[in-house]
Amino acid sequence: MRRPSDPPASEISPDHFFAADIRLGTVTRAEPFPEARKPAYRLWIDFGEGVGEKRSSAQITAHYRLEDLPGRRVLAVVNFPPRQIGPVRSEVLVLGVTDSAGNVVLLEVPEHADVANGAGVS
């Protein structure tokens, strides 16, 4: 987690950045994740035909209620290896920034934007 006062990380090449496959997806389902060490939700995210629906665990309980998550259009890294988090197999890394209290705020694309699920960051 980088703070606003931190200097930039070491330089990387554009090839390293673009190796991360960051795509737009829509949250289709969200459930509590009581087994998590820190408060978190289980998410199902639809990335469209090329990637399909993937699962993730996200520590976003401070700013989001379960019932408000379906329909949100979020950005996630879809080409990290899956990670087992307790009983949940997290298949993608949902992206966000941290607020002044250290809570995650999701990176989102507005619903009205004409961008399809699966669109990549360019």
C-alpha atoms as a PDB file:
ATOM      1  CA  MET A   1       0.000   0.000   0.000  1.00  0.00           C
ATOM      2  CA  ARG A   2       1.478   3.289  -1.073  1.00  0.00           C
ATOM      3  CA  ARG A   3       0.693   6.503   0.775  1.00  0.00           C
ATOM      4  CA  PRO A   4       0.318   9.834  -1.038  1.00  0.00           C
ATOM      5  CA  SER A   5       3.547  11.038   0.568  1.00  0.00           C
ATOM      6  CA  ASP A   6       5.600   8.047  -0.673  1.00  0.00           C
ATOM      7  CA  PRO A   7       8.036   8.667  -3.530  1.00  0.00           C
ATOM      8  CA  PRO A   8       7.448   6.769  -6.785  1.00  0.00           C
ATOM      9  CA  ALA A   9       8.410   3.100  -6.914  1.00  0.00           C
ATOM     10  CA  SER A  10      11.416   2.018  -8.973  1.00  0.00           C
ATOM     11  CA  GLU A  11      11.048   2.548 -12.706  1.00  0.00           C
ATOM     12  CA  ILE A  12       9.731  -0.353 -14.764  1.00  0.00           C
ATOM     13  CA  SER A  13       9.493  -0.800 -18.500  1.00  0.00           C
ATOM     14  CA  PRO A  14       6.183  -0.426 -20.312  1.00  0.00           C
ATOM     15  CA  ASP A  15       6.456  -4.140 -21.148  1.00  0.00           C
ATOM     16  CA  HIS A  16       6.358  -4.986 -17.440  1.00  0.00           C
ATOM     17  CA  PHE A  17       3.290  -2.807 -16.888  1.00  0.00           C
ATOM     18  CA  PHE A  18       1.407  -4.190 -19.881  1.00  0.00           C
ATOM     19  CA  ALA A  19       2.155  -7.759 -18.765  1.00  0.00           C
ATOM     20  CA  ALA A  20      -0.546  -7.183 -16.135  1.00  0.00           C
ATOM     21  CA  ASP A  21      -3.858  -7.880 -17.893  1.00  0.00           C
ATOM     22  CA  ILE A  22      -6.214  -5.321 -16.312  1.00  0.00           C
ATOM     23  CA  ARG A  23      -9.821  -5.665 -17.461  1.00  0.00           C
ATOM     24  CA  LEU A  24     -13.220  -4.162 -16.801  1.00  0.00           C
ATOM     25  CA  GLY A  25     -15.819  -6.417 -15.220  1.00  0.00           C
ATOM     26  CA  THR A  26     -19.256  -6.129 -13.632  1.00  0.00           C
ATOM     27  CA  VAL A  27     -19.915  -7.498 -10.157  1.00  0.00           C
ATOM     28  CA  THR A  28     -22.742 -10.026 -10.543  1.00  0.00           C
ATOM     29  CA  ARG A  29     -22.886 -11.317  -6.966  1.00  0.00           C
ATOM     30  CA  ALA A  30     -21.469 -10.421  -3.560  1.00  0.00           C
ATOM     31  CA  GLU A  31     -21.581 -12.445  -0.348  1.00  0.00           C
ATOM     32  CA  PRO A  32     -20.189 -12.130   3.163  1.00  0.00           C
ATOM     33  CA  PHE A  33     -16.813 -13.746   3.798  1.00  0.00           C
ATOM     34  CA  PRO A  34     -16.867 -14.386   7.570  1.00  0.00           C
ATOM     35  CA  GLU A  35     -13.869 -16.756   7.422  1.00  0.00           C
ATOM     36  CA  ALA A  36     -11.521 -13.991   6.243  1.00  0.00           C
ATOM     37  CA  ARG A  37      -8.918 -12.706   8.728  1.00  0.00           C
ATOM     38  CA  LYS A  38      -9.847  -9.093   7.916  1.00  0.00           C
ATOM     39  CA  PRO A  39     -13.403  -8.019   7.007  1.00  0.00           C
ATOM     40  CA  ALA A  40     -14.001  -8.905   3.359  1.00  0.00           C
ATOM     41  CA  TYR A  41     -16.597  -9.900   0.774  1.00  0.00           C
ATOM     42  CA  ARG A  42     -16.637 -12.673  -1.815  1.00  0.00           C
ATOM     43  CA  LEU A  43     -17.288 -11.306  -5.286  1.00  0.00           C
ATOM     44  CA  TRP A  44     -18.267 -12.829  -8.616  1.00  0.00           C
ATOM     45  CA  ILE A  45     -17.286 -10.597 -11.532  1.00  0.00           C
ATOM     46  CA  ASP A  46     -18.290 -10.963 -15.195  1.00  0.00           C
ATOM     47  CA  PHE A  47     -15.462  -9.985 -17.560  1.00  0.00           C
ATOM     48  CA  GLY A  48     -17.314 -10.893 -20.744  1.00  0.00           C
ATOM     49  CA  GLU A  49     -16.845 -13.630 -23.304  1.00  0.00           C
ATOM     50  CA  GLY A  50     -13.041 -13.744 -23.423  1.00  0.00           C
ATOM     51  CA  VAL A  51     -12.395 -14.090 -19.682  1.00  0.00           C
ATOM     52  CA  GLY A  52     -15.778 -15.156 -18.306  1.00  0.00           C
ATOM     53  CA  GLU A  53     -16.936 -14.908 -14.703  1.00  0.00           C
ATOM     54  CA  LYS A  54     -14.218 -14.952 -12.032  1.00  0.00           C
ATOM     55  CA  ARG A  55     -14.261 -14.948  -8.233  1.00  0.00           C
ATOM     56  CA  SER A  56     -12.379 -12.701  -5.864  1.00  0.00           C
ATOM     57  CA  SER A  57     -12.085 -11.744  -2.234  1.00  0.00           C
ATOM     58  CA  ALA A  58     -12.013  -8.030  -1.495  1.00  0.00           C
ATOM     59  CA  GLN A  59     -11.451  -6.091   1.732  1.00  0.00           C
ATOM     60  CA  ILE A  60     -13.928  -3.357   0.825  1.00  0.00           C
ATOM     61  CA  THR A  61     -16.386  -3.531   3.733  1.00  0.00           C
ATOM     62  CA  ALA A  62     -15.672  -0.004   5.027  1.00  0.00           C
ATOM     63  CA  HIS A  63     -17.123   1.777   1.983  1.00  0.00           C
ATOM     64  CA  TYR A  64     -19.477  -0.753   0.379  1.00  0.00           C
ATOM     65  CA  ARG A  65     -22.570  -2.691   1.450  1.00  0.00           C
ATOM     66  CA  LEU A  66     -23.213  -6.116  -0.074  1.00  0.00           C
ATOM     67  CA  GLU A  67     -26.459  -5.013  -1.685  1.00  0.00           C
ATOM     68  CA  ASP A  68     -24.730  -2.080  -3.415  1.00  0.00           C
ATOM     69  CA  LEU A  69     -22.025  -4.150  -5.148  1.00  0.00           C
ATOM     70  CA  PRO A  70     -23.916  -6.031  -7.905  1.00  0.00           C
ATOM     71  CA  GLY A  71     -23.812  -3.920 -11.055  1.00  0.00           C
ATOM     72  CA  ARG A  72     -20.641  -2.023 -10.118  1.00  0.00           C
ATOM     73  CA  ARG A  73     -18.098  -1.943 -12.942  1.00  0.00           C
ATOM     74  CA  VAL A  74     -14.642  -2.585 -11.499  1.00  0.00           C
ATOM     75  CA  LEU A  75     -11.088  -3.017 -12.742  1.00  0.00           C
ATOM     76  CA  ALA A  76      -9.131  -6.151 -11.888  1.00  0.00           C
ATOM     77  CA  VAL A  77      -5.939  -7.972 -12.838  1.00  0.00           C
ATOM     78  CA  VAL A  78      -7.106 -11.176 -14.519  1.00  0.00           C
ATOM     79  CA  ASN A  79      -3.767 -12.888 -15.204  1.00  0.00           C
ATOM     80  CA  PHE A  80      -2.342 -13.357 -11.702  1.00  0.00           C
ATOM     81  CA  PRO A  81      -2.281 -16.981 -10.554  1.00  0.00           C
ATOM     82  CA  PRO A  82      -5.294 -17.951  -8.410  1.00  0.00           C
ATOM     83  CA  ARG A  83      -4.749 -17.585  -4.670  1.00  0.00           C
ATOM     84  CA  GLN A  84      -6.381 -19.600  -1.925  1.00  0.00           C
ATOM     85  CA  ILE A  85      -7.736 -17.322   0.824  1.00  0.00           C
ATOM     86  CA  GLY A  86      -9.251 -19.605   3.437  1.00  0.00           C
ATOM     87  CA  PRO A  87     -12.077 -21.499   1.744  1.00  0.00           C
ATOM     88  CA  VAL A  88     -12.159 -19.037  -1.202  1.00  0.00           C
ATOM     89  CA  ARG A  89     -10.125 -19.385  -4.390  1.00  0.00           C
ATOM     90  CA  SER A  90      -9.501 -15.808  -5.515  1.00  0.00           C
ATOM     91  CA  GLU A  91      -9.015 -15.781  -9.286  1.00  0.00           C
ATOM     92  CA  VAL A  92      -8.555 -12.038  -9.918  1.00  0.00           C
ATOM     93  CA  LEU A  93      -7.167  -9.035  -8.031  1.00  0.00           C
ATOM     94  CA  VAL A  94      -9.750  -6.263  -7.793  1.00  0.00           C
ATOM     95  CA  LEU A  95      -8.053  -2.848  -7.897  1.00  0.00           C
ATOM     96  CA  GLY A  96      -8.565   0.080  -5.588  1.00  0.00           C
ATOM     97  CA  VAL A  97      -6.843   2.908  -3.787  1.00  0.00           C
ATOM     98  CA  THR A  98      -6.676   3.423  -0.035  1.00  0.00           C
ATOM     99  CA  ASP A  99      -8.232   6.344   1.760  1.00  0.00           C
ATOM    100  CA  SER A 100      -6.629   8.223   4.660  1.00  0.00           C
ATOM    101  CA  ALA A 101      -7.830   5.529   7.096  1.00  0.00           C
ATOM    102  CA  GLY A 102      -6.333   2.695   5.015  1.00  0.00           C
ATOM    103  CA  ASN A 103      -9.682   1.464   3.640  1.00  0.00           C
ATOM    104  CA  VAL A 104      -9.983   0.385   0.010  1.00  0.00           C
ATOM    105  CA  VAL A 105     -11.950   2.459  -2.508  1.00  0.00           C
ATOM    106  CA  LEU A 106     -12.613   0.563  -5.737  1.00  0.00           C
ATOM    107  CA  LEU A 107     -11.391   1.752  -9.134  1.00  0.00           C
ATOM    108  CA  GLU A 108     -14.593   1.877 -11.173  1.00  0.00           C
ATOM    109  CA  VAL A 109     -15.947   2.799 -14.603  1.00  0.00           C
ATOM    110  CA  PRO A 110     -19.312   4.618 -14.589  1.00  0.00           C
ATOM    111  CA  GLU A 111     -22.382   2.616 -15.668  1.00  0.00           C
ATOM    112  CA  HIS A 112     -23.199   5.138 -18.406  1.00  0.00           C
ATOM    113  CA  ALA A 113     -19.791   4.745 -20.101  1.00  0.00           C
ATOM    114  CA  ASP A 114     -20.029   2.733 -23.330  1.00  0.00           C
ATOM    115  CA  VAL A 115     -17.315   0.232 -22.402  1.00  0.00           C
ATOM    116  CA  ALA A 116     -17.837  -3.526 -22.627  1.00  0.00           C
ATOM    117  CA  ASN A 117     -16.941  -6.057 -19.962  1.00  0.00           C
ATOM    118  CA  GLY A 118     -13.522  -7.444 -20.745  1.00  0.00           C
ATOM    119  CA  ALA A 119     -12.150  -4.154 -22.091  1.00  0.00           C
ATOM    120  CA  GLY A 120      -8.489  -3.792 -21.183  1.00  0.00           C
ATOM    121  CA  VAL A 121      -6.648  -0.854 -19.671  1.00  0.00           C
ATOM    122  CA  SER A 122      -4.618   0.911 -22.337  1.00  0.00           C
END
